[in-house]
N, C-alpha and C. Protein backbone atom coordinates (compact mmCIF):
# COMPACT_ATOMS: atom_id res chain seq x y z
N UNK A 1 -1.96 9.97 13.43
CA UNK A 1 -1.82 9.94 11.99
C UNK A 1 -2.67 11.07 11.41
N UNK A 2 -2.12 11.84 10.45
CA UNK A 2 -2.91 12.92 9.85
C UNK A 2 -4.05 12.36 9.01
N UNK A 3 -5.14 13.12 8.98
CA UNK A 3 -6.28 12.72 8.16
C UNK A 3 -5.97 12.93 6.68
N UNK A 4 -6.58 12.10 5.85
CA UNK A 4 -6.44 12.28 4.41
C UNK A 4 -7.24 13.52 4.01
N UNK A 5 -6.68 14.43 3.21
CA UNK A 5 -7.42 15.65 2.85
C UNK A 5 -8.67 15.33 2.03
N UNK A 6 -9.70 16.12 2.28
CA UNK A 6 -10.96 15.94 1.55
C UNK A 6 -10.79 16.34 0.09
N UNK A 7 -10.04 17.39 -0.14
CA UNK A 7 -9.71 17.79 -1.51
C UNK A 7 -8.32 18.39 -1.51
N UNK A 8 -7.76 18.55 -2.69
CA UNK A 8 -6.40 19.07 -2.81
C UNK A 8 -6.36 20.04 -3.98
N UNK A 9 -5.44 20.99 -3.90
CA UNK A 9 -5.32 21.95 -5.00
C UNK A 9 -4.71 21.26 -6.21
N UNK A 10 -4.96 21.84 -7.36
CA UNK A 10 -4.43 21.30 -8.61
C UNK A 10 -2.91 21.20 -8.55
N UNK A 11 -2.26 22.20 -7.99
CA UNK A 11 -0.80 22.21 -7.88
C UNK A 11 -0.29 21.06 -7.02
N UNK A 12 -0.98 20.80 -5.90
CA UNK A 12 -0.56 19.72 -5.02
C UNK A 12 -0.66 18.36 -5.72
N UNK A 13 -1.76 18.16 -6.44
CA UNK A 13 -1.97 16.88 -7.12
C UNK A 13 -0.93 16.68 -8.22
N UNK A 14 -0.68 17.72 -9.01
CA UNK A 14 0.31 17.62 -10.09
C UNK A 14 1.69 17.35 -9.51
N UNK A 15 2.05 18.07 -8.45
CA UNK A 15 3.37 17.88 -7.84
C UNK A 15 3.52 16.45 -7.31
N UNK A 16 2.47 15.92 -6.70
CA UNK A 16 2.52 14.55 -6.17
C UNK A 16 2.77 13.54 -7.30
N UNK A 17 2.06 13.72 -8.42
CA UNK A 17 2.26 12.79 -9.53
C UNK A 17 3.62 12.99 -10.19
N UNK A 18 4.13 14.21 -10.21
CA UNK A 18 5.48 14.44 -10.75
C UNK A 18 6.53 13.74 -9.88
N UNK A 19 6.32 13.73 -8.57
CA UNK A 19 7.23 13.02 -7.68
C UNK A 19 7.20 11.51 -7.93
N UNK A 20 6.08 11.02 -8.45
CA UNK A 20 5.95 9.60 -8.79
C UNK A 20 6.48 9.28 -10.19
N UNK A 21 7.00 10.30 -10.89
CA UNK A 21 7.61 10.06 -12.19
C UNK A 21 6.76 10.45 -13.38
N UNK A 22 5.60 11.06 -13.16
CA UNK A 22 4.74 11.48 -14.27
C UNK A 22 5.20 12.85 -14.78
N UNK A 23 4.97 13.09 -16.06
CA UNK A 23 5.26 14.41 -16.64
C UNK A 23 4.03 14.87 -17.42
N UNK A 24 3.84 16.17 -17.46
CA UNK A 24 2.68 16.73 -18.16
C UNK A 24 2.92 16.66 -19.66
N UNK A 25 1.96 16.08 -20.37
CA UNK A 25 2.03 15.99 -21.82
C UNK A 25 1.22 17.11 -22.44
N UNK A 26 0.05 17.38 -21.86
CA UNK A 26 -0.83 18.41 -22.41
C UNK A 26 -1.68 18.97 -21.28
N UNK A 27 -1.97 20.27 -21.33
CA UNK A 27 -2.84 20.91 -20.34
C UNK A 27 -3.78 21.86 -21.08
N UNK A 28 -4.97 21.37 -21.38
CA UNK A 28 -6.01 22.18 -22.01
C UNK A 28 -7.26 22.08 -21.16
N UNK A 29 -8.31 21.42 -21.67
CA UNK A 29 -9.50 21.22 -20.87
C UNK A 29 -9.21 20.23 -19.73
N UNK A 30 -8.31 19.30 -19.99
CA UNK A 30 -7.88 18.31 -19.02
C UNK A 30 -6.35 18.31 -19.01
N UNK A 31 -5.80 17.75 -17.96
CA UNK A 31 -4.35 17.60 -17.87
C UNK A 31 -4.03 16.14 -18.18
N UNK A 32 -3.17 15.93 -19.15
CA UNK A 32 -2.74 14.58 -19.50
C UNK A 32 -1.30 14.43 -19.03
N UNK A 33 -1.07 13.40 -18.23
CA UNK A 33 0.27 13.12 -17.73
C UNK A 33 0.63 11.70 -18.13
N UNK A 34 1.94 11.44 -18.28
CA UNK A 34 2.36 10.08 -18.58
C UNK A 34 3.66 9.76 -17.87
N UNK A 35 3.87 8.47 -17.68
CA UNK A 35 5.10 7.97 -17.05
C UNK A 35 5.58 6.80 -17.88
N UNK A 36 6.84 6.84 -18.26
CA UNK A 36 7.43 5.75 -19.02
C UNK A 36 7.55 4.53 -18.12
N UNK A 37 7.36 3.38 -18.71
CA UNK A 37 7.44 2.12 -17.98
C UNK A 37 8.83 1.55 -18.16
N UNK A 38 9.47 1.23 -17.05
CA UNK A 38 10.85 0.73 -17.11
C UNK A 38 10.94 -0.65 -17.77
N UNK A 39 9.86 -1.41 -17.76
CA UNK A 39 9.89 -2.76 -18.31
C UNK A 39 9.69 -2.77 -19.83
N UNK A 40 9.50 -1.61 -20.43
CA UNK A 40 9.36 -1.54 -21.87
C UNK A 40 7.93 -1.65 -22.37
N UNK A 41 6.98 -1.68 -21.45
CA UNK A 41 5.57 -1.71 -21.85
C UNK A 41 5.11 -0.32 -22.26
N UNK A 42 3.84 -0.22 -22.65
CA UNK A 42 3.28 1.09 -23.01
C UNK A 42 3.37 2.04 -21.81
N UNK A 43 3.57 3.33 -22.07
CA UNK A 43 3.62 4.28 -20.96
C UNK A 43 2.27 4.35 -20.24
N UNK A 44 2.33 4.63 -18.95
CA UNK A 44 1.14 4.79 -18.14
C UNK A 44 0.62 6.20 -18.30
N UNK A 45 -0.65 6.35 -18.70
CA UNK A 45 -1.23 7.67 -18.93
C UNK A 45 -2.23 7.99 -17.85
N UNK A 46 -2.36 9.27 -17.54
CA UNK A 46 -3.22 9.74 -16.48
C UNK A 46 -3.97 10.96 -16.99
N UNK A 47 -5.26 11.04 -16.74
CA UNK A 47 -6.09 12.15 -17.20
C UNK A 47 -6.73 12.81 -15.99
N UNK A 48 -6.48 14.11 -15.80
CA UNK A 48 -7.05 14.86 -14.69
C UNK A 48 -7.92 15.99 -15.22
N UNK A 49 -9.01 16.25 -14.51
CA UNK A 49 -9.88 17.38 -14.85
C UNK A 49 -9.17 18.66 -14.45
N UNK A 50 -9.28 19.68 -15.26
CA UNK A 50 -8.60 20.95 -15.00
C UNK A 50 -9.49 21.84 -14.14
N UNK A 51 -9.56 21.53 -12.84
CA UNK A 51 -10.29 22.33 -11.87
C UNK A 51 -9.29 22.90 -10.88
N UNK A 52 -9.63 24.02 -10.23
CA UNK A 52 -8.70 24.58 -9.25
C UNK A 52 -8.45 23.63 -8.07
N UNK A 53 -9.49 22.89 -7.67
CA UNK A 53 -9.36 21.92 -6.58
C UNK A 53 -9.94 20.59 -7.03
N UNK A 54 -9.24 19.53 -6.72
CA UNK A 54 -9.69 18.19 -7.07
C UNK A 54 -10.16 17.49 -5.81
N UNK A 55 -11.40 17.02 -5.83
CA UNK A 55 -11.97 16.38 -4.67
C UNK A 55 -11.53 14.94 -4.52
N UNK A 56 -11.68 14.45 -3.30
CA UNK A 56 -11.34 13.07 -2.98
C UNK A 56 -12.11 12.11 -3.88
N UNK A 57 -13.39 12.37 -4.09
CA UNK A 57 -14.20 11.48 -4.92
C UNK A 57 -13.70 11.42 -6.36
N UNK A 58 -13.22 12.52 -6.88
CA UNK A 58 -12.68 12.54 -8.24
C UNK A 58 -11.46 11.64 -8.35
N UNK A 59 -10.54 11.77 -7.41
CA UNK A 59 -9.33 10.97 -7.43
C UNK A 59 -9.64 9.49 -7.19
N UNK A 60 -10.54 9.22 -6.26
CA UNK A 60 -10.89 7.83 -5.94
C UNK A 60 -11.62 7.16 -7.09
N UNK A 61 -12.53 7.90 -7.76
CA UNK A 61 -13.30 7.30 -8.85
C UNK A 61 -12.43 6.98 -10.05
N UNK A 62 -11.31 7.65 -10.21
CA UNK A 62 -10.40 7.38 -11.32
C UNK A 62 -9.40 6.28 -10.98
N UNK A 63 -9.57 5.69 -9.79
CA UNK A 63 -8.73 4.57 -9.41
C UNK A 63 -7.35 4.95 -8.94
N UNK A 64 -7.16 6.21 -8.56
CA UNK A 64 -5.84 6.65 -8.16
C UNK A 64 -5.56 6.36 -6.70
N UNK A 65 -6.61 6.08 -5.92
CA UNK A 65 -6.41 5.87 -4.49
C UNK A 65 -6.82 4.47 -4.06
N UNK A 66 -6.68 3.50 -4.94
CA UNK A 66 -7.05 2.12 -4.59
C UNK A 66 -6.06 1.54 -3.61
């Protein structure tokens, strides 16, 4: 089994979330992405730091890898 990467490029992370149905709403100091909820609830929002590489700890601390 391949090891989980220690960090990932910004492009890789954005592409992964786009494959999960998220779309970029805004990209300034941070990247804001959202995904519409099929059940009619509020859309799911995601906030990413605008760094060239995002570390494992950053993604894990935001609850994205639970």
